[in-house]
Amino acid sequence: MPRGKHVLGQNRGNHIFGTAKVGDRGQIVIPKEARRFFGISPGDTLLILGDEERGIVITKPEVLSSIAEEILGKKDGENGNLSDV
């Protein structure tokens, strides 16, 4: 179980894992507990999304794929590959 702090007033699934500084080359280090909790390993590809008013989101591409499949009405057992849509 992760040790990230629970965000008060939010669902139990929300955590604060710490902060990250942007380095000279624009890189950040994702806190170890967050990497472990979300299964992020060296060499993984992450998807960066942005909204001018709400900020940025960093996620694994398969998370967005799962949400897109849900929106498009895909169910488990059906052809779950978005490239076939």
N, C-alpha and C. Protein backbone atom coordinates (compact mmCIF):
# COMPACT_ATOMS: atom_id res chain seq x y z
N MET A 1 0.84 -1.18 0.00
CA MET A 1 0.00 0.00 0.00
C MET A 1 0.88 1.24 0.00
N PRO A 2 0.57 2.22 -0.80
CA PRO A 2 1.43 3.40 -0.87
C PRO A 2 1.37 4.20 0.41
N ARG A 3 2.42 4.96 0.62
CA ARG A 3 2.48 5.79 1.81
C ARG A 3 2.19 7.24 1.49
N GLY A 4 1.81 7.53 0.23
CA GLY A 4 1.47 8.91 -0.15
C GLY A 4 0.36 9.41 0.74
N LYS A 5 0.41 10.67 1.09
CA LYS A 5 -0.58 11.24 2.00
C LYS A 5 -1.94 11.34 1.32
N HIS A 6 -2.98 10.99 2.07
CA HIS A 6 -4.34 11.09 1.57
C HIS A 6 -4.72 12.57 1.47
N VAL A 7 -5.40 12.94 0.41
CA VAL A 7 -5.83 14.33 0.22
C VAL A 7 -7.12 14.54 1.01
N LEU A 8 -7.08 15.44 1.99
CA LEU A 8 -8.24 15.67 2.83
C LEU A 8 -9.44 16.11 2.02
N GLY A 9 -10.60 15.55 2.33
CA GLY A 9 -11.83 15.91 1.66
C GLY A 9 -12.00 15.26 0.29
N GLN A 10 -11.08 14.42 -0.11
CA GLN A 10 -11.15 13.75 -1.40
C GLN A 10 -11.38 12.25 -1.18
N ASN A 11 -11.64 11.54 -2.27
CA ASN A 11 -11.79 10.10 -2.20
C ASN A 11 -10.54 9.45 -1.66
N ARG A 12 -10.68 8.29 -1.07
CA ARG A 12 -9.53 7.59 -0.50
C ARG A 12 -8.49 7.22 -1.55
N GLY A 13 -8.83 7.22 -2.82
CA GLY A 13 -7.88 6.88 -3.87
C GLY A 13 -6.96 8.03 -4.26
N ASN A 14 -7.14 9.20 -3.68
CA ASN A 14 -6.29 10.36 -4.00
C ASN A 14 -5.15 10.46 -3.01
N HIS A 15 -3.96 10.73 -3.51
CA HIS A 15 -2.76 10.78 -2.66
C HIS A 15 -1.89 11.97 -3.06
N ILE A 16 -1.09 12.42 -2.13
CA ILE A 16 -0.03 13.38 -2.42
C ILE A 16 1.27 12.63 -2.21
N PHE A 17 2.06 12.49 -3.27
CA PHE A 17 3.30 11.75 -3.19
C PHE A 17 4.51 12.64 -2.99
N GLY A 18 4.33 13.93 -3.04
CA GLY A 18 5.44 14.85 -2.85
C GLY A 18 5.48 15.86 -3.98
N THR A 19 6.62 16.49 -4.13
CA THR A 19 6.80 17.50 -5.17
C THR A 19 7.96 17.08 -6.06
N ALA A 20 8.07 17.74 -7.20
CA ALA A 20 9.18 17.50 -8.12
C ALA A 20 9.63 18.84 -8.68
N LYS A 21 10.93 19.05 -8.71
CA LYS A 21 11.48 20.27 -9.32
C LYS A 21 11.83 19.97 -10.76
N VAL A 22 11.64 20.97 -11.61
CA VAL A 22 12.02 20.85 -13.01
C VAL A 22 13.49 21.21 -13.13
N GLY A 23 14.27 20.31 -13.71
CA GLY A 23 15.70 20.53 -13.88
C GLY A 23 16.00 21.42 -15.07
N ASP A 24 17.28 21.72 -15.26
CA ASP A 24 17.73 22.59 -16.36
C ASP A 24 17.30 22.07 -17.72
N ARG A 25 17.19 20.76 -17.87
CA ARG A 25 16.82 20.16 -19.15
C ARG A 25 15.31 19.89 -19.24
N GLY A 26 14.53 20.43 -18.30
CA GLY A 26 13.08 20.25 -18.32
C GLY A 26 12.62 18.92 -17.78
N GLN A 27 13.48 18.20 -17.11
CA GLN A 27 13.14 16.88 -16.58
C GLN A 27 12.65 16.97 -15.16
N ILE A 28 11.76 16.03 -14.79
CA ILE A 28 11.32 15.90 -13.40
C ILE A 28 11.57 14.47 -12.95
N VAL A 29 11.65 14.28 -11.65
CA VAL A 29 11.76 12.95 -11.08
C VAL A 29 10.45 12.66 -10.37
N ILE A 30 9.79 11.59 -10.78
CA ILE A 30 8.54 11.16 -10.15
C ILE A 30 8.92 10.48 -8.84
N PRO A 31 8.32 10.89 -7.71
CA PRO A 31 8.68 10.29 -6.43
C PRO A 31 8.58 8.76 -6.45
N LYS A 32 9.51 8.13 -5.75
CA LYS A 32 9.62 6.67 -5.73
C LYS A 32 8.30 5.98 -5.36
N GLU A 33 7.62 6.47 -4.34
CA GLU A 33 6.37 5.85 -3.91
C GLU A 33 5.32 5.91 -5.01
N ALA A 34 5.27 7.02 -5.75
CA ALA A 34 4.32 7.15 -6.85
C ALA A 34 4.68 6.18 -7.97
N ARG A 35 5.97 6.07 -8.30
CA ARG A 35 6.40 5.13 -9.35
C ARG A 35 6.04 3.71 -8.96
N ARG A 36 6.26 3.36 -7.73
CA ARG A 36 5.95 2.00 -7.26
C ARG A 36 4.44 1.77 -7.30
N PHE A 37 3.65 2.70 -6.79
CA PHE A 37 2.19 2.56 -6.73
C PHE A 37 1.59 2.41 -8.12
N PHE A 38 2.07 3.21 -9.08
CA PHE A 38 1.50 3.20 -10.43
C PHE A 38 2.26 2.29 -11.40
N GLY A 39 3.25 1.57 -10.91
CA GLY A 39 3.97 0.61 -11.74
C GLY A 39 4.76 1.26 -12.87
N ILE A 40 5.39 2.39 -12.58
CA ILE A 40 6.19 3.10 -13.57
C ILE A 40 7.64 2.67 -13.41
N SER A 41 8.22 2.17 -14.51
CA SER A 41 9.59 1.68 -14.50
C SER A 41 10.45 2.45 -15.48
N PRO A 42 11.79 2.41 -15.30
CA PRO A 42 12.66 3.07 -16.27
C PRO A 42 12.36 2.56 -17.68
N GLY A 43 12.31 3.47 -18.64
CA GLY A 43 12.03 3.10 -20.02
C GLY A 43 10.56 3.14 -20.40
N ASP A 44 9.66 3.24 -19.42
CA ASP A 44 8.23 3.34 -19.72
C ASP A 44 7.94 4.64 -20.45
N THR A 45 6.92 4.62 -21.28
CA THR A 45 6.46 5.82 -21.96
C THR A 45 5.26 6.36 -21.22
N LEU A 46 5.27 7.67 -20.96
CA LEU A 46 4.15 8.32 -20.28
C LEU A 46 3.52 9.32 -21.22
N LEU A 47 2.23 9.52 -21.07
CA LEU A 47 1.47 10.45 -21.89
C LEU A 47 1.30 11.75 -21.10
N ILE A 48 1.59 12.88 -21.73
CA ILE A 48 1.48 14.19 -21.10
C ILE A 48 0.33 14.93 -21.78
N LEU A 49 -0.69 15.29 -21.00
CA LEU A 49 -1.85 16.02 -21.51
C LEU A 49 -1.90 17.36 -20.80
N GLY A 50 -2.43 18.38 -21.46
CA GLY A 50 -2.50 19.69 -20.83
C GLY A 50 -3.78 20.42 -21.11
N ASP A 51 -4.20 21.20 -20.14
CA ASP A 51 -5.35 22.08 -20.25
C ASP A 51 -4.89 23.43 -19.71
N GLU A 52 -5.08 24.50 -20.48
CA GLU A 52 -4.57 25.81 -20.08
C GLU A 52 -5.11 26.28 -18.75
N GLU A 53 -6.32 25.90 -18.39
CA GLU A 53 -6.91 26.34 -17.12
C GLU A 53 -6.66 25.38 -15.97
N ARG A 54 -6.63 24.08 -16.26
CA ARG A 54 -6.54 23.10 -15.17
C ARG A 54 -5.16 22.50 -14.98
N GLY A 55 -4.25 22.67 -15.92
CA GLY A 55 -2.90 22.17 -15.73
C GLY A 55 -2.58 20.95 -16.58
N ILE A 56 -1.61 20.15 -16.10
CA ILE A 56 -1.16 18.99 -16.87
C ILE A 56 -1.50 17.70 -16.15
N VAL A 57 -1.54 16.63 -16.94
CA VAL A 57 -1.75 15.28 -16.44
C VAL A 57 -0.66 14.41 -17.03
N ILE A 58 -0.07 13.60 -16.20
CA ILE A 58 0.93 12.63 -16.66
C ILE A 58 0.36 11.26 -16.33
N THR A 59 0.22 10.42 -17.34
CA THR A 59 -0.38 9.10 -17.13
C THR A 59 0.23 8.08 -18.08
N LYS A 60 -0.04 6.83 -17.82
CA LYS A 60 0.36 5.78 -18.74
C LYS A 60 -0.63 5.77 -19.90
N PRO A 61 -0.16 5.57 -21.13
CA PRO A 61 -1.06 5.59 -22.28
C PRO A 61 -2.22 4.60 -22.17
N GLU A 62 -1.99 3.45 -21.55
CA GLU A 62 -3.05 2.45 -21.43
C GLU A 62 -4.21 2.92 -20.55
N VAL A 63 -3.95 3.87 -19.66
CA VAL A 63 -5.03 4.44 -18.85
C VAL A 63 -6.00 5.19 -19.75
N LEU A 64 -5.47 6.00 -20.64
CA LEU A 64 -6.32 6.75 -21.56
C LEU A 64 -7.02 5.79 -22.53
N SER A 65 -6.33 4.75 -22.94
CA SER A 65 -6.91 3.77 -23.84
C SER A 65 -8.12 3.10 -23.17
N SER A 66 -7.99 2.76 -21.89
CA SER A 66 -9.09 2.14 -21.15
C SER A 66 -10.29 3.08 -21.08
N ILE A 67 -10.04 4.35 -20.81
CA ILE A 67 -11.11 5.33 -20.73
C ILE A 67 -11.76 5.52 -22.10
N ALA A 68 -10.95 5.59 -23.15
CA ALA A 68 -11.50 5.75 -24.50
C ALA A 68 -12.36 4.55 -24.87
N GLU A 69 -11.91 3.35 -24.54
CA GLU A 69 -12.70 2.16 -24.84
C GLU A 69 -14.03 2.19 -24.09
N GLU A 70 -14.01 2.66 -22.85
CA GLU A 70 -15.24 2.77 -22.07
C GLU A 70 -16.19 3.78 -22.72
N ILE A 71 -15.65 4.92 -23.13
CA ILE A 71 -16.46 5.95 -23.77
C ILE A 71 -17.05 5.43 -25.08
N LEU A 72 -16.26 4.68 -25.84
CA LEU A 72 -16.71 4.17 -27.13
C LEU A 72 -17.60 2.93 -27.00
N GLY A 73 -17.83 2.49 -25.77
CA GLY A 73 -18.73 1.37 -25.54
C GLY A 73 -18.10 0.01 -25.68
N LYS A 74 -16.78 -0.06 -25.68
CA LYS A 74 -16.11 -1.34 -25.73
C LYS A 74 -16.30 -2.07 -24.42
N LYS A 75 -16.49 -3.37 -24.47
CA LYS A 75 -16.63 -4.19 -23.27
C LYS A 75 -15.52 -5.23 -23.27
N ASP A 76 -15.18 -5.77 -22.10
CA ASP A 76 -14.21 -6.85 -22.03
C ASP A 76 -14.71 -8.02 -22.88
N GLY A 77 -13.80 -8.62 -23.59
CA GLY A 77 -14.16 -9.74 -24.43
C GLY A 77 -14.42 -9.33 -25.87
N GLU A 78 -14.76 -8.07 -26.11
CA GLU A 78 -14.89 -7.57 -27.47
C GLU A 78 -13.50 -7.18 -27.94
N ASN A 79 -13.39 -6.82 -29.20
CA ASN A 79 -12.11 -6.42 -29.74
C ASN A 79 -11.66 -5.16 -29.00
N GLY A 80 -10.72 -5.31 -28.06
CA GLY A 80 -10.32 -4.22 -27.19
C GLY A 80 -9.18 -3.37 -27.72
N ASN A 81 -8.87 -3.48 -29.00
CA ASN A 81 -7.76 -2.75 -29.56
C ASN A 81 -8.28 -1.48 -30.23
N LEU A 82 -7.91 -0.32 -29.71
CA LEU A 82 -8.39 0.94 -30.25
C LEU A 82 -7.94 1.18 -31.70
N SER A 83 -6.85 0.56 -32.10
CA SER A 83 -6.39 0.77 -33.47
C SER A 83 -7.34 0.17 -34.47
N ASP A 84 -8.23 -0.72 -34.03
CA ASP A 84 -9.21 -1.34 -34.91
C ASP A 84 -10.49 -0.51 -35.03
N VAL A 85 -10.60 0.57 -34.22
CA VAL A 85 -11.82 1.39 -34.23
C VAL A 85 -11.85 2.27 -35.46
